[in-house]
Amino acid sequence: KELKKPIIKKRVLEIASIGLGLLGLLFILGGGAYLFHQIAFYLDKGYWSPFSVIDAMLYANPNDPWLNYPTTDIGVYKILSSLPFSGSCIASGLFILFIRSAINNQKRYPIIY
């Protein structure tokens, strides 16, 4: 006799799927909007305004000592300062949508009992 799966797990997976889908789309649209802003600024002024992940982190937390004067994890700082914010948002959104599709596959082909 096959065991029935609890309904609550199905509801949690559905809510997580919807929430992750919306979050992924928000990241993609936000990154795309900022990229569009950079392109429009370049076409208007002739200057590309670079905005890295470190710049975004500094905007969110301007008093963080590591962001202003990194003394440890210099390699991480260099990587984050070279990554464009808009591309990172788009890539993060695509990754979140990938996780969402994995949750949807979990609903169709359950492996967790």
PDB file of N, CA and C in Angstrom:
ATOM      1  N   LYS A   1       0.853  -1.182   0.000  1.00  0.00           N
ATOM      2  CA  LYS A   1       0.000   0.000   0.000  1.00  0.00           C
ATOM      3  C   LYS A   1       0.898   1.245   0.000  1.00  0.00           C
ATOM      4  N   GLU A   2       0.599   2.172  -0.869  1.00  0.00           N
ATOM      5  CA  GLU A   2       1.404   3.392  -1.003  1.00  0.00           C
ATOM      6  C   GLU A   2       1.006   4.396   0.077  1.00  0.00           C
ATOM      7  N   LEU A   3       2.027   5.020   0.678  1.00  0.00           N
ATOM      8  CA  LEU A   3       1.779   6.025   1.699  1.00  0.00           C
ATOM      9  C   LEU A   3       1.368   7.342   1.047  1.00  0.00           C
ATOM     10  N   LYS A   4       0.399   7.999   1.643  1.00  0.00           N
ATOM     11  CA  LYS A   4      -0.025   9.300   1.131  1.00  0.00           C
ATOM     12  C   LYS A   4       0.907  10.379   1.672  1.00  0.00           C
ATOM     13  N   LYS A   5       1.218  11.333   0.811  1.00  0.00           N
ATOM     14  CA  LYS A   5       2.069  12.445   1.215  1.00  0.00           C
ATOM     15  C   LYS A   5       1.220  13.482   1.953  1.00  0.00           C
ATOM     16  N   PRO A   6       1.810  14.110   2.943  1.00  0.00           N
ATOM     17  CA  PRO A   6       1.030  15.131   3.641  1.00  0.00           C
ATOM     18  C   PRO A   6       0.731  16.326   2.739  1.00  0.00           C
ATOM     19  N   ILE A   7      -0.471  16.878   2.887  1.00  0.00           N
ATOM     20  CA  ILE A   7      -0.897  18.006   2.068  1.00  0.00           C
ATOM     21  C   ILE A   7      -0.068  19.244   2.388  1.00  0.00           C
ATOM     22  N   ILE A   8       0.368  19.372   3.627  1.00  0.00           N
ATOM     23  CA  ILE A   8       1.097  20.581   4.021  1.00  0.00           C
ATOM     24  C   ILE A   8       2.398  20.715   3.240  1.00  0.00           C
ATOM     25  N   LYS A   9       3.068  19.614   2.966  1.00  0.00           N
ATOM     26  CA  LYS A   9       4.322  19.692   2.217  1.00  0.00           C
ATOM     27  C   LYS A   9       4.068  20.192   0.802  1.00  0.00           C
ATOM     28  N   LYS A  10       2.947  19.760   0.204  1.00  0.00           N
ATOM     29  CA  LYS A  10       2.604  20.218  -1.129  1.00  0.00           C
ATOM     30  C   LYS A  10       2.327  21.710  -1.128  1.00  0.00           C
ATOM     31  N   ARG A  11       1.615  22.204  -0.128  1.00  0.00           N
ATOM     32  CA  ARG A  11       1.313  23.631  -0.032  1.00  0.00           C
ATOM     33  C   ARG A  11       2.588  24.446   0.173  1.00  0.00           C
ATOM     34  N   VAL A  12       3.491  23.957   0.997  1.00  0.00           N
ATOM     35  CA  VAL A  12       4.752  24.661   1.243  1.00  0.00           C
ATOM     36  C   VAL A  12       5.563  24.734  -0.042  1.00  0.00           C
ATOM     37  N   LEU A  13       5.606  23.647  -0.793  1.00  0.00           N
ATOM     38  CA  LEU A  13       6.336  23.654  -2.060  1.00  0.00           C
ATOM     39  C   LEU A  13       5.700  24.614  -3.059  1.00  0.00           C
ATOM     40  N   GLU A  14       4.375  24.686  -3.089  1.00  0.00           N
ATOM     41  CA  GLU A  14       3.705  25.610  -4.001  1.00  0.00           C
ATOM     42  C   GLU A  14       3.983  27.061  -3.621  1.00  0.00           C
ATOM     43  N   ILE A  15       3.920  27.370  -2.337  1.00  0.00           N
ATOM     44  CA  ILE A  15       4.184  28.738  -1.890  1.00  0.00           C
ATOM     45  C   ILE A  15       5.647  29.108  -2.133  1.00  0.00           C
ATOM     46  N   ALA A  16       6.556  28.182  -1.855  1.00  0.00           N
ATOM     47  CA  ALA A  16       7.980  28.442  -2.099  1.00  0.00           C
ATOM     48  C   ALA A  16       8.235  28.647  -3.590  1.00  0.00           C
ATOM     49  N   SER A  17       7.571  27.881  -4.415  1.00  0.00           N
ATOM     50  CA  SER A  17       7.747  28.014  -5.854  1.00  0.00           C
ATOM     51  C   SER A  17       7.273  29.379  -6.348  1.00  0.00           C
ATOM     52  N   ILE A  18       6.124  29.815  -5.880  1.00  0.00           N
ATOM     53  CA  ILE A  18       5.603  31.123  -6.285  1.00  0.00           C
ATOM     54  C   ILE A  18       6.503  32.238  -5.766  1.00  0.00           C
ATOM     55  N   GLY A  19       6.901  32.143  -4.510  1.00  0.00           N
ATOM     56  CA  GLY A  19       7.755  33.172  -3.927  1.00  0.00           C
ATOM     57  C   GLY A  19       9.110  33.257  -4.609  1.00  0.00           C
ATOM     58  N   LEU A  20       9.713  32.125  -4.886  1.00  0.00           N
ATOM     59  CA  LEU A  20      11.006  32.140  -5.575  1.00  0.00           C
ATOM     60  C   LEU A  20      10.867  32.643  -7.000  1.00  0.00           C
ATOM     61  N   GLY A  21       9.765  32.320  -7.648  1.00  0.00           N
ATOM     62  CA  GLY A  21       9.548  32.828  -8.995  1.00  0.00           C
ATOM     63  C   GLY A  21       9.454  34.345  -9.018  1.00  0.00           C
ATOM     64  N   LEU A  22       8.704  34.898  -8.070  1.00  0.00           N
ATOM     65  CA  LEU A  22       8.584  36.351  -7.999  1.00  0.00           C
ATOM     66  C   LEU A  22       9.908  37.012  -7.624  1.00  0.00           C
ATOM     67  N   LEU A  23      10.644  36.409  -6.695  1.00  0.00           N
ATOM     68  CA  LEU A  23      11.935  36.960  -6.301  1.00  0.00           C
ATOM     69  C   LEU A  23      12.928  36.925  -7.463  1.00  0.00           C
ATOM     70  N   GLY A  24      12.946  35.814  -8.195  1.00  0.00           N
ATOM     71  CA  GLY A  24      13.833  35.709  -9.353  1.00  0.00           C
ATOM     72  C   GLY A  24      13.503  36.747 -10.416  1.00  0.00           C
ATOM     73  N   LEU A  25      12.222  36.914 -10.681  1.00  0.00           N
ATOM     74  CA  LEU A  25      11.813  37.929 -11.664  1.00  0.00           C
ATOM     75  C   LEU A  25      12.159  39.333 -11.192  1.00  0.00           C
ATOM     76  N   LEU A  26      12.028  39.587  -9.893  1.00  0.00           N
ATOM     77  CA  LEU A  26      12.377  40.897  -9.349  1.00  0.00           C
ATOM     78  C   LEU A  26      13.865  41.183  -9.553  1.00  0.00           C
ATOM     79  N   PHE A  27      14.714  40.192  -9.289  1.00  0.00           N
ATOM     80  CA  PHE A  27      16.148  40.361  -9.497  1.00  0.00           C
ATOM     81  C   PHE A  27      16.463  40.609 -10.965  1.00  0.00           C
ATOM     82  N   ILE A  28      15.859  39.825 -11.851  1.00  0.00           N
ATOM     83  CA  ILE A  28      16.134  39.969 -13.285  1.00  0.00           C
ATOM     84  C   ILE A  28      15.656  41.333 -13.789  1.00  0.00           C
ATOM     85  N   LEU A  29      14.450  41.726 -13.401  1.00  0.00           N
ATOM     86  CA  LEU A  29      13.934  43.022 -13.845  1.00  0.00           C
ATOM     87  C   LEU A  29      14.733  44.180 -13.252  1.00  0.00           C
ATOM     88  N   GLY A  30      15.143  44.065 -12.004  1.00  0.00           N
ATOM     89  CA  GLY A  30      15.948  45.111 -11.386  1.00  0.00           C
ATOM     90  C   GLY A  30      17.308  45.255 -12.048  1.00  0.00           C
ATOM     91  N   GLY A  31      17.961  44.126 -12.301  1.00  0.00           N
ATOM     92  CA  GLY A  31      19.248  44.172 -12.988  1.00  0.00           C
ATOM     93  C   GLY A  31      19.112  44.676 -14.409  1.00  0.00           C
ATOM     94  N   GLY A  32      18.062  44.263 -15.095  1.00  0.00           N
ATOM     95  CA  GLY A  32      17.835  44.742 -16.462  1.00  0.00           C
ATOM     96  C   GLY A  32      17.520  46.226 -16.501  1.00  0.00           C
ATOM     97  N   ALA A  33      16.746  46.698 -15.513  1.00  0.00           N
ATOM     98  CA  ALA A  33      16.424  48.124 -15.463  1.00  0.00           C
ATOM     99  C   ALA A  33      17.678  48.950 -15.208  1.00  0.00           C
ATOM    100  N   TYR A  34      18.544  48.473 -14.317  1.00  0.00           N
ATOM    101  CA  TYR A  34      19.764  49.239 -14.062  1.00  0.00           C
ATOM    102  C   TYR A  34      20.692  49.200 -15.274  1.00  0.00           C
ATOM    103  N   LEU A  35      20.756  48.065 -15.955  1.00  0.00           N
ATOM    104  CA  LEU A  35      21.560  47.985 -17.177  1.00  0.00           C
ATOM    105  C   LEU A  35      21.015  48.946 -18.232  1.00  0.00           C
ATOM    106  N   PHE A  36      19.683  49.010 -18.371  1.00  0.00           N
ATOM    107  CA  PHE A  36      19.071  49.955 -19.300  1.00  0.00           C
ATOM    108  C   PHE A  36      19.417  51.392 -18.914  1.00  0.00           C
ATOM    109  N   HIS A  37      19.400  51.682 -17.615  1.00  0.00           N
ATOM    110  CA  HIS A  37      19.775  53.012 -17.140  1.00  0.00           C
ATOM    111  C   HIS A  37      21.221  53.337 -17.518  1.00  0.00           C
ATOM    112  N   GLN A  38      22.127  52.383 -17.342  1.00  0.00           N
ATOM    113  CA  GLN A  38      23.529  52.617 -17.691  1.00  0.00           C
ATOM    114  C   GLN A  38      23.682  52.859 -19.198  1.00  0.00           C
ATOM    115  N   ILE A  39      22.979  52.083 -20.007  1.00  0.00           N
ATOM    116  CA  ILE A  39      23.061  52.250 -21.460  1.00  0.00           C
ATOM    117  C   ILE A  39      22.495  53.608 -21.868  1.00  0.00           C
ATOM    118  N   ALA A  40      21.359  53.991 -21.300  1.00  0.00           N
ATOM    119  CA  ALA A  40      20.760  55.293 -21.627  1.00  0.00           C
ATOM    120  C   ALA A  40      21.682  56.432 -21.200  1.00  0.00           C
ATOM    121  N   PHE A  41      22.322  56.296 -20.040  1.00  0.00           N
ATOM    122  CA  PHE A  41      23.258  57.322 -19.572  1.00  0.00           C
ATOM    123  C   PHE A  41      24.450  57.411 -20.520  1.00  0.00           C
ATOM    124  N   TYR A  42      24.935  56.261 -20.988  1.00  0.00           N
ATOM    125  CA  TYR A  42      26.069  56.250 -21.910  1.00  0.00           C
ATOM    126  C   TYR A  42      25.700  56.908 -23.243  1.00  0.00           C
ATOM    127  N   LEU A  43      24.515  56.583 -23.749  1.00  0.00           N
ATOM    128  CA  LEU A  43      24.091  57.162 -25.021  1.00  0.00           C
ATOM    129  C   LEU A  43      23.846  58.666 -24.901  1.00  0.00           C
ATOM    130  N   ASP A  44      23.421  59.126 -23.740  1.00  0.00           N
ATOM    131  CA  ASP A  44      23.145  60.543 -23.543  1.00  0.00           C
ATOM    132  C   ASP A  44      24.422  61.336 -23.255  1.00  0.00           C
ATOM    133  N   LYS A  45      25.244  60.850 -22.339  1.00  0.00           N
ATOM    134  CA  LYS A  45      26.415  61.608 -21.890  1.00  0.00           C
ATOM    135  C   LYS A  45      27.732  61.151 -22.519  1.00  0.00           C
ATOM    136  N   GLY A  46      27.744  59.944 -23.079  1.00  0.00           N
ATOM    137  CA  GLY A  46      28.978  59.425 -23.662  1.00  0.00           C
ATOM    138  C   GLY A  46      29.944  58.868 -22.636  1.00  0.00           C
ATOM    139  N   TYR A  47      29.456  58.594 -21.434  1.00  0.00           N
ATOM    140  CA  TYR A  47      30.297  58.068 -20.354  1.00  0.00           C
ATOM    141  C   TYR A  47      29.590  56.891 -19.714  1.00  0.00           C
ATOM    142  N   TRP A  48      30.310  55.784 -19.576  1.00  0.00           N
ATOM    143  CA  TRP A  48      29.754  54.597 -18.938  1.00  0.00           C
ATOM    144  C   TRP A  48      29.968  54.722 -17.440  1.00  0.00           C
ATOM    145  N   SER A  49      28.900  54.677 -16.667  1.00  0.00           N
ATOM    146  CA  SER A  49      29.012  54.784 -15.211  1.00  0.00           C
ATOM    147  C   SER A  49      29.098  53.382 -14.610  1.00  0.00           C
ATOM    148  N   PRO A  50      30.310  52.956 -14.276  1.00  0.00           N
ATOM    149  CA  PRO A  50      30.438  51.612 -13.709  1.00  0.00           C
ATOM    150  C   PRO A  50      29.849  51.549 -12.299  1.00  0.00           C
ATOM    151  N   PHE A  51      29.187  50.461 -11.995  1.00  0.00           N
ATOM    152  CA  PHE A  51      28.596  50.265 -10.675  1.00  0.00           C
ATOM    153  C   PHE A  51      28.779  48.801 -10.321  1.00  0.00           C
ATOM    154  N   SER A  52      29.709  48.518  -9.431  1.00  0.00           N
ATOM    155  CA  SER A  52      30.040  47.132  -9.089  1.00  0.00           C
ATOM    156  C   SER A  52      29.222  46.664  -7.887  1.00  0.00           C
ATOM    157  N   VAL A  53      29.392  45.402  -7.549  1.00  0.00           N
ATOM    158  CA  VAL A  53      28.717  44.837  -6.386  1.00  0.00           C
ATOM    159  C   VAL A  53      29.206  45.546  -5.119  1.00  0.00           C
ATOM    160  N   ILE A  54      30.495  45.862  -5.058  1.00  0.00           N
ATOM    161  CA  ILE A  54      31.034  46.593  -3.901  1.00  0.00           C
ATOM    162  C   ILE A  54      30.375  47.968  -3.796  1.00  0.00           C
ATOM    163  N   ASP A  55      30.164  48.635  -4.928  1.00  0.00           N
ATOM    164  CA  ASP A  55      29.496  49.935  -4.902  1.00  0.00           C
ATOM    165  C   ASP A  55      28.076  49.815  -4.345  1.00  0.00           C
ATOM    166  N   ALA A  56      27.375  48.756  -4.736  1.00  0.00           N
ATOM    167  CA  ALA A  56      26.020  48.537  -4.220  1.00  0.00           C
ATOM    168  C   ALA A  56      26.052  48.249  -2.723  1.00  0.00           C
ATOM    169  N   MET A  57      27.031  47.464  -2.285  1.00  0.00           N
ATOM    170  CA  MET A  57      27.158  47.174  -0.860  1.00  0.00           C
ATOM    171  C   MET A  57      27.518  48.440  -0.075  1.00  0.00           C
ATOM    172  N   LEU A  58      28.359  49.290  -0.657  1.00  0.00           N
ATOM    173  CA  LEU A  58      28.692  50.566  -0.010  1.00  0.00           C
ATOM    174  C   LEU A  58      27.477  51.479   0.057  1.00  0.00           C
ATOM    175  N   TYR A  59      26.635  51.445  -0.962  1.00  0.00           N
ATOM    176  CA  TYR A  59      25.413  52.252  -0.959  1.00  0.00           C
ATOM    177  C   TYR A  59      24.478  51.792   0.161  1.00  0.00           C
ATOM    178  N   ALA A  60      24.410  50.463   0.360  1.00  0.00           N
ATOM    179  CA  ALA A  60      23.525  49.914   1.386  1.00  0.00           C
ATOM    180  C   ALA A  60      24.095  50.097   2.789  1.00  0.00           C
ATOM    181  N   ASN A  61      25.432  50.036   2.921  1.00  0.00           N
ATOM    182  CA  ASN A  61      26.061  50.116   4.234  1.00  0.00           C
ATOM    183  C   ASN A  61      27.345  50.944   4.126  1.00  0.00           C
ATOM    184  N   PRO A  62      27.243  52.265   4.107  1.00  0.00           N
ATOM    185  CA  PRO A  62      28.428  53.092   3.863  1.00  0.00           C
ATOM    186  C   PRO A  62      29.451  53.103   4.990  1.00  0.00           C
ATOM    187  N   ASN A  63      29.096  52.672   6.178  1.00  0.00           N
ATOM    188  CA  ASN A  63      30.019  52.719   7.310  1.00  0.00           C
ATOM    189  C   ASN A  63      30.733  51.404   7.580  1.00  0.00           C
ATOM    190  N   ASP A  64      30.572  50.421   6.707  1.00  0.00           N
ATOM    191  CA  ASP A  64      31.240  49.139   6.907  1.00  0.00           C
ATOM    192  C   ASP A  64      32.735  49.307   6.673  1.00  0.00           C
ATOM    193  N   PRO A  65      33.568  48.995   7.669  1.00  0.00           N
ATOM    194  CA  PRO A  65      35.006  49.218   7.503  1.00  0.00           C
ATOM    195  C   PRO A  65      35.631  48.328   6.435  1.00  0.00           C
ATOM    196  N   TRP A  66      35.135  47.106   6.269  1.00  0.00           N
ATOM    197  CA  TRP A  66      35.736  46.220   5.267  1.00  0.00           C
ATOM    198  C   TRP A  66      35.474  46.732   3.856  1.00  0.00           C
ATOM    199  N   LEU A  67      34.312  47.304   3.635  1.00  0.00           N
ATOM    200  CA  LEU A  67      33.995  47.820   2.301  1.00  0.00           C
ATOM    201  C   LEU A  67      34.815  49.062   1.970  1.00  0.00           C
ATOM    202  N   ASN A  68      35.122  49.871   2.974  1.00  0.00           N
ATOM    203  CA  ASN A  68      35.894  51.089   2.745  1.00  0.00           C
ATOM    204  C   ASN A  68      37.391  50.829   2.686  1.00  0.00           C
ATOM    205  N   TYR A  69      37.897  50.011   3.605  1.00  0.00           N
ATOM    206  CA  TYR A  69      39.337  49.719   3.674  1.00  0.00           C
ATOM    207  C   TYR A  69      39.527  48.234   3.967  1.00  0.00           C
ATOM    208  N   PRO A  70      39.501  47.388   2.939  1.00  0.00           N
ATOM    209  CA  PRO A  70      39.613  45.949   3.200  1.00  0.00           C
ATOM    210  C   PRO A  70      41.032  45.589   3.661  1.00  0.00           C
ATOM    211  N   THR A  71      41.113  44.859   4.752  1.00  0.00           N
ATOM    212  CA  THR A  71      42.403  44.378   5.243  1.00  0.00           C
ATOM    213  C   THR A  71      42.501  42.861   5.155  1.00  0.00           C
ATOM    214  N   THR A  72      41.368  42.190   5.097  1.00  0.00           N
ATOM    215  CA  THR A  72      41.349  40.741   4.924  1.00  0.00           C
ATOM    216  C   THR A  72      40.508  40.414   3.698  1.00  0.00           C
ATOM    217  N   ASP A  73      40.668  39.222   3.205  1.00  0.00           N
ATOM    218  CA  ASP A  73      39.897  38.750   2.047  1.00  0.00           C
ATOM    219  C   ASP A  73      40.001  39.715   0.869  1.00  0.00           C
ATOM    220  N   ILE A  74      41.214  40.097   0.550  1.00  0.00           N
ATOM    221  CA  ILE A  74      41.454  41.054  -0.537  1.00  0.00           C
ATOM    222  C   ILE A  74      40.981  40.480  -1.872  1.00  0.00           C
ATOM    223  N   GLY A  75      41.178  39.180  -2.071  1.00  0.00           N
ATOM    224  CA  GLY A  75      40.745  38.545  -3.317  1.00  0.00           C
ATOM    225  C   GLY A  75      39.241  38.619  -3.503  1.00  0.00           C
ATOM    226  N   VAL A  76      38.501  38.384  -2.426  1.00  0.00           N
ATOM    227  CA  VAL A  76      37.038  38.487  -2.492  1.00  0.00           C
ATOM    228  C   VAL A  76      36.639  39.919  -2.837  1.00  0.00           C
ATOM    229  N   TYR A  77      37.316  40.880  -2.225  1.00  0.00           N
ATOM    230  CA  TYR A  77      37.026  42.282  -2.498  1.00  0.00           C
ATOM    231  C   TYR A  77      37.282  42.615  -3.970  1.00  0.00           C
ATOM    232  N   LYS A  78      38.399  42.120  -4.506  1.00  0.00           N
ATOM    233  CA  LYS A  78      38.722  42.400  -5.909  1.00  0.00           C
ATOM    234  C   LYS A  78      37.703  41.767  -6.854  1.00  0.00           C
ATOM    235  N   ILE A  79      37.280  40.555  -6.536  1.00  0.00           N
ATOM    236  CA  ILE A  79      36.277  39.888  -7.382  1.00  0.00           C
ATOM    237  C   ILE A  79      34.968  40.668  -7.347  1.00  0.00           C
ATOM    238  N   LEU A  80      34.512  41.038  -6.139  1.00  0.00           N
ATOM    239  CA  LEU A  80      33.242  41.769  -6.022  1.00  0.00           C
ATOM    240  C   LEU A  80      33.320  43.160  -6.632  1.00  0.00           C
ATOM    241  N   SER A  81      34.508  43.770  -6.595  1.00  0.00           N
ATOM    242  CA  SER A  81      34.625  45.103  -7.188  1.00  0.00           C
ATOM    243  C   SER A  81      34.703  45.052  -8.706  1.00  0.00           C
ATOM    244  N   SER A  82      34.999  43.869  -9.256  1.00  0.00           N
ATOM    245  CA  SER A  82      35.058  43.759 -10.714  1.00  0.00           C
ATOM    246  C   SER A  82      33.742  43.248 -11.317  1.00  0.00           C
ATOM    247  N   LEU A  83      32.844  42.712 -10.484  1.00  0.00           N
ATOM    248  CA  LEU A  83      31.561  42.211 -10.990  1.00  0.00           C
ATOM    249  C   LEU A  83      30.578  43.364 -11.151  1.00  0.00           C
ATOM    250  N   PRO A  84      29.980  43.501 -12.330  1.00  0.00           N
ATOM    251  CA  PRO A  84      28.968  44.554 -12.489  1.00  0.00           C
ATOM    252  C   PRO A  84      27.696  44.197 -11.724  1.00  0.00           C
ATOM    253  N   PHE A  85      27.113  45.197 -11.104  1.00  0.00           N
ATOM    254  CA  PHE A  85      25.920  44.990 -10.287  1.00  0.00           C
ATOM    255  C   PHE A  85      24.752  44.479 -11.117  1.00  0.00           C
ATOM    256  N   SER A  86      24.538  45.057 -12.285  1.00  0.00           N
ATOM    257  CA  SER A  86      23.380  44.659 -13.103  1.00  0.00           C
ATOM    258  C   SER A  86      23.514  43.208 -13.556  1.00  0.00           C
ATOM    259  N   GLY A  87      24.691  42.820 -14.002  1.00  0.00           N
ATOM    260  CA  GLY A  87      24.898  41.436 -14.423  1.00  0.00           C
ATOM    261  C   GLY A  87      24.767  40.458 -13.271  1.00  0.00           C
ATOM    262  N   SER A  88      25.229  40.872 -12.096  1.00  0.00           N
ATOM    263  CA  SER A  88      25.111  40.011 -10.918  1.00  0.00           C
ATOM    264  C   SER A  88      23.660  39.821 -10.521  1.00  0.00           C
ATOM    265  N   CYS A  89      22.860  40.875 -10.632  1.00  0.00           N
ATOM    266  CA  CYS A  89      21.424  40.751 -10.329  1.00  0.00           C
ATOM    267  C   CYS A  89      20.740  39.811 -11.311  1.00  0.00           C
ATOM    268  N   ILE A  90      21.050  39.955 -12.577  1.00  0.00           N
ATOM    269  CA  ILE A  90      20.433  39.096 -13.594  1.00  0.00           C
ATOM    270  C   ILE A  90      20.846  37.646 -13.384  1.00  0.00           C
ATOM    271  N   ALA A  91      22.134  37.417 -13.125  1.00  0.00           N
ATOM    272  CA  ALA A  91      22.607  36.046 -12.895  1.00  0.00           C
ATOM    273  C   ALA A  91      21.989  35.455 -11.631  1.00  0.00           C
ATOM    274  N   SER A  92      21.866  36.256 -10.581  1.00  0.00           N
ATOM    275  CA  SER A  92      21.229  35.775  -9.347  1.00  0.00           C
ATOM    276  C   SER A  92      19.760  35.426  -9.592  1.00  0.00           C
ATOM    277  N   GLY A  93      19.070  36.254 -10.353  1.00  0.00           N
ATOM    278  CA  GLY A  93      17.673  35.971 -10.670  1.00  0.00           C
ATOM    279  C   GLY A  93      17.505  34.693 -11.468  1.00  0.00           C
ATOM    280  N   LEU A  94      18.407  34.471 -12.420  1.00  0.00           N
ATOM    281  CA  LEU A  94      18.349  33.225 -13.191  1.00  0.00           C
ATOM    282  C   LEU A  94      18.626  32.016 -12.308  1.00  0.00           C
ATOM    283  N   PHE A  95      19.560  32.157 -11.364  1.00  0.00           N
ATOM    284  CA  PHE A  95      19.846  31.062 -10.443  1.00  0.00           C
ATOM    285  C   PHE A  95      18.638  30.776  -9.552  1.00  0.00           C
ATOM    286  N   ILE A  96      17.978  31.827  -9.085  1.00  0.00           N
ATOM    287  CA  ILE A  96      16.781  31.633  -8.256  1.00  0.00           C
ATOM    288  C   ILE A  96      15.683  30.942  -9.061  1.00  0.00           C
ATOM    289  N   LEU A  97      15.512  31.318 -10.331  1.00  0.00           N
ATOM    290  CA  LEU A  97      14.516  30.637 -11.167  1.00  0.00           C
ATOM    291  C   LEU A  97      14.900  29.184 -11.425  1.00  0.00           C
ATOM    292  N   PHE A  98      16.200  28.901 -11.483  1.00  0.00           N
ATOM    293  CA  PHE A  98      16.651  27.510 -11.609  1.00  0.00           C
ATOM    294  C   PHE A  98      16.261  26.710 -10.368  1.00  0.00           C
ATOM    295  N   ILE A  99      16.446  27.298  -9.200  1.00  0.00           N
ATOM    296  CA  ILE A  99      16.040  26.632  -7.954  1.00  0.00           C
ATOM    297  C   ILE A  99      14.527  26.419  -7.944  1.00  0.00           C
ATOM    298  N   ARG A 100      13.785  27.391  -8.462  1.00  0.00           N
ATOM    299  CA  ARG A 100      12.328  27.261  -8.545  1.00  0.00           C
ATOM    300  C   ARG A 100      11.940  26.089  -9.436  1.00  0.00           C
ATOM    301  N   SER A 101      12.633  25.938 -10.554  1.00  0.00           N
ATOM    302  CA  SER A 101      12.303  24.808 -11.429  1.00  0.00           C
ATOM    303  C   SER A 101      12.647  23.487 -10.764  1.00  0.00           C
ATOM    304  N   ALA A 102      13.680  23.477  -9.921  1.00  0.00           N
ATOM    305  CA  ALA A 102      13.998  22.252  -9.187  1.00  0.00           C
ATOM    306  C   ALA A 102      12.891  21.928  -8.190  1.00  0.00           C
ATOM    307  N   ILE A 103      12.322  22.953  -7.568  1.00  0.00           N
ATOM    308  CA  ILE A 103      11.200  22.722  -6.650  1.00  0.00           C
ATOM    309  C   ILE A 103       9.991  22.205  -7.422  1.00  0.00           C
ATOM    310  N   ASN A 104       9.740  22.777  -8.602  1.00  0.00           N
ATOM    311  CA  ASN A 104       8.614  22.289  -9.407  1.00  0.00           C
ATOM    312  C   ASN A 104       8.824  20.844  -9.819  1.00  0.00           C
ATOM    313  N   ASN A 105      10.048  20.465 -10.159  1.00  0.00           N
ATOM    314  CA  ASN A 105      10.330  19.068 -10.488  1.00  0.00           C
ATOM    315  C   ASN A 105      10.156  18.189  -9.267  1.00  0.00           C
ATOM    316  N   GLN A 106      10.454  18.717  -8.089  1.00  0.00           N
ATOM    317  CA  GLN A 106      10.248  17.964  -6.858  1.00  0.00           C
ATOM    318  C   GLN A 106       8.768  17.671  -6.657  1.00  0.00           C
ATOM    319  N   LYS A 107       7.910  18.608  -7.056  1.00  0.00           N
ATOM    320  CA  LYS A 107       6.477  18.373  -6.922  1.00  0.00           C
ATOM    321  C   LYS A 107       6.011  17.279  -7.897  1.00  0.00           C
ATOM    322  N   ARG A 108       6.604  17.278  -9.097  1.00  0.00           N
ATOM    323  CA  ARG A 108       6.180  16.300 -10.094  1.00  0.00           C
ATOM    324  C   ARG A 108       6.806  14.925  -9.865  1.00  0.00           C
ATOM    325  N   TYR A 109       8.087  14.923  -9.514  1.00  0.00           N
ATOM    326  CA  TYR A 109       8.820  13.660  -9.323  1.00  0.00           C
ATOM    327  C   TYR A 109       9.420  13.648  -7.928  1.00  0.00           C
ATOM    328  N   PRO A 110       8.627  13.391  -6.913  1.00  0.00           N
ATOM    329  CA  PRO A 110       9.117  13.514  -5.543  1.00  0.00           C
ATOM    330  C   PRO A 110      10.175  12.457  -5.204  1.00  0.00           C
ATOM    331  N   ILE A 111      11.231  12.923  -4.564  1.00  0.00           N
ATOM    332  CA  ILE A 111      12.246  11.993  -4.071  1.00  0.00           C
ATOM    333  C   ILE A 111      12.339  12.072  -2.543  1.00  0.00           C
ATOM    334  N   ILE A 112      11.747  13.105  -1.946  1.00  0.00           N
ATOM    335  CA  ILE A 112      11.747  13.236  -0.488  1.00  0.00           C
ATOM    336  C   ILE A 112      10.433  12.706   0.030  1.00  0.00           C
ATOM    337  N   TYR A 113      10.499  11.830   0.993  1.00  0.00           N
ATOM    338  CA  TYR A 113       9.285  11.207   1.530  1.00  0.00           C
ATOM    339  C   TYR A 113       8.933  11.793   2.864  1.00  0.00           C
TER     340      TYR A 113
END
